Amino acid sequence: VIVNLSGGCDSAMALWQFLSYLKEREIELEEIRVLTGVDKYRPTNEWNAREIFLGIKENFPEFPLVHDIFYYWKKGDKTIKGTNKDLGGTMRLGS
């Protein structure tokens, strides 16, 4: 199962409710992959998502949670504002 975690309260609550639902019904999954996309121009959601993920993982230790983070920018917008530096066209995956 893949679940989005943006770093905001809506996706955090959705993940919490999903895990609560699984726990109540004693549903076991092989893996729950939590995915966070980080906009290069708004990188603060990465910190928020990491902190939320760690808190949720601590409260639901019985689930095999994995957090993947990827970085992106808007199509056609591959330069850093105020410079001519090209960011290239690749995406970096990290956790």
Protein backbone atom coordinates (compact mmCIF):
# COMPACT_ATOMS: atom_id res chain seq x y z
CA VAL A 1 0.00 0.00 0.00
CA ILE A 2 1.25 3.50 -0.84
CA VAL A 3 0.00 6.50 1.13
CA ASN A 4 0.82 10.16 0.44
CA LEU A 5 2.14 12.30 3.31
CA SER A 6 2.58 15.92 2.23
CA GLY A 7 3.62 17.23 5.63
CA GLY A 8 0.27 18.91 6.28
CA CYS A 9 -2.42 18.04 8.79
CA ASP A 10 -4.86 16.54 6.24
CA SER A 11 -2.54 13.83 4.98
CA ALA A 12 -1.19 13.22 8.50
CA MET A 13 -4.72 12.65 9.82
CA ALA A 14 -5.60 10.44 6.84
CA LEU A 15 -2.56 8.24 7.54
CA TRP A 16 -3.39 8.12 11.26
CA GLN A 17 -7.00 7.14 10.55
CA PHE A 18 -5.91 4.52 8.01
CA LEU A 19 -3.56 2.89 10.52
CA SER A 20 -6.20 3.08 13.26
CA TYR A 21 -8.66 1.33 10.92
CA LEU A 22 -6.15 -1.44 10.17
CA LYS A 23 -5.33 -1.85 13.86
CA GLU A 24 -9.00 -2.03 14.96
CA ARG A 25 -9.72 -4.74 12.43
CA GLU A 26 -6.40 -6.54 13.00
CA ILE A 27 -5.49 -6.25 9.32
CA GLU A 28 -1.86 -7.02 8.55
CA LEU A 29 -0.03 -5.71 5.50
CA GLU A 30 3.38 -6.73 4.21
CA GLU A 31 4.46 -3.12 3.76
CA ILE A 32 3.01 0.38 4.00
CA ARG A 33 5.02 2.83 1.94
CA VAL A 34 4.56 6.48 2.87
CA LEU A 35 5.48 8.83 0.02
CA THR A 36 6.40 12.52 0.30
CA GLY A 37 7.09 14.78 -2.66
CA VAL A 38 9.21 17.86 -1.95
CA ASP A 39 8.93 20.91 -4.22
CA LYS A 40 12.42 22.40 -4.66
CA TYR A 41 10.93 25.87 -4.08
CA ARG A 42 9.01 24.89 -0.91
CA PRO A 43 11.35 22.45 0.84
CA THR A 44 9.99 22.90 4.39
CA ASN A 45 7.37 20.19 3.93
CA GLU A 46 10.20 17.63 4.00
CA TRP A 47 10.97 18.42 7.66
CA ASN A 48 7.27 18.41 8.57
CA ALA A 49 6.68 15.08 6.82
CA ARG A 50 9.72 13.48 8.49
CA GLU A 51 8.58 14.58 11.95
CA ILE A 52 4.99 13.44 11.34
CA PHE A 53 6.20 10.09 10.00
CA LEU A 54 8.43 9.49 13.03
CA GLY A 55 5.56 10.31 15.40
CA ILE A 56 3.16 8.01 13.59
CA LYS A 57 5.72 5.21 13.39
CA GLU A 58 6.27 5.53 17.14
CA ASN A 59 2.51 5.23 17.79
CA PHE A 60 1.98 2.32 15.40
CA PRO A 61 5.11 0.16 15.83
CA GLU A 62 3.24 -2.98 14.74
CA PHE A 63 3.07 -1.78 11.11
CA PRO A 64 5.91 -2.10 8.58
CA LEU A 65 6.11 1.59 7.65
CA VAL A 66 8.67 2.85 5.11
CA HIS A 67 9.08 6.54 4.28
CA ASP A 68 10.24 7.54 0.79
CA ILE A 69 10.94 11.16 -0.14
CA PHE A 70 11.38 12.44 -3.68
CA TYR A 71 12.26 15.91 -4.96
CA TYR A 72 10.68 17.68 -7.92
CA TRP A 73 10.06 21.01 -9.60
CA LYS A 74 7.29 22.19 -11.89
CA LYS A 75 7.56 21.21 -15.56
CA GLY A 76 9.48 23.79 -17.57
CA ASP A 77 10.69 25.48 -14.38
CA LYS A 78 14.16 23.98 -14.00
CA THR A 79 16.16 27.00 -12.87
CA ILE A 80 16.59 28.41 -9.41
CA LYS A 81 14.92 31.83 -9.15
CA GLY A 82 17.42 34.66 -9.44
CA THR A 83 20.07 32.51 -11.15
CA ASN A 84 20.69 30.74 -14.42
CA LYS A 85 21.59 27.49 -12.69
CA ASP A 86 19.91 24.53 -14.40
CA LEU A 87 18.60 21.91 -11.97
CA GLY A 88 18.61 19.24 -14.66
CA GLY A 89 15.81 16.82 -15.33
CA THR A 90 16.31 14.11 -12.75
CA MET A 91 14.48 13.24 -9.59
CA ARG A 92 16.33 12.16 -6.45
CA LEU A 93 14.78 9.55 -4.22
CA GLY A 94 15.82 9.49 -0.58
CA SER A 95 14.58 8.53 2.85
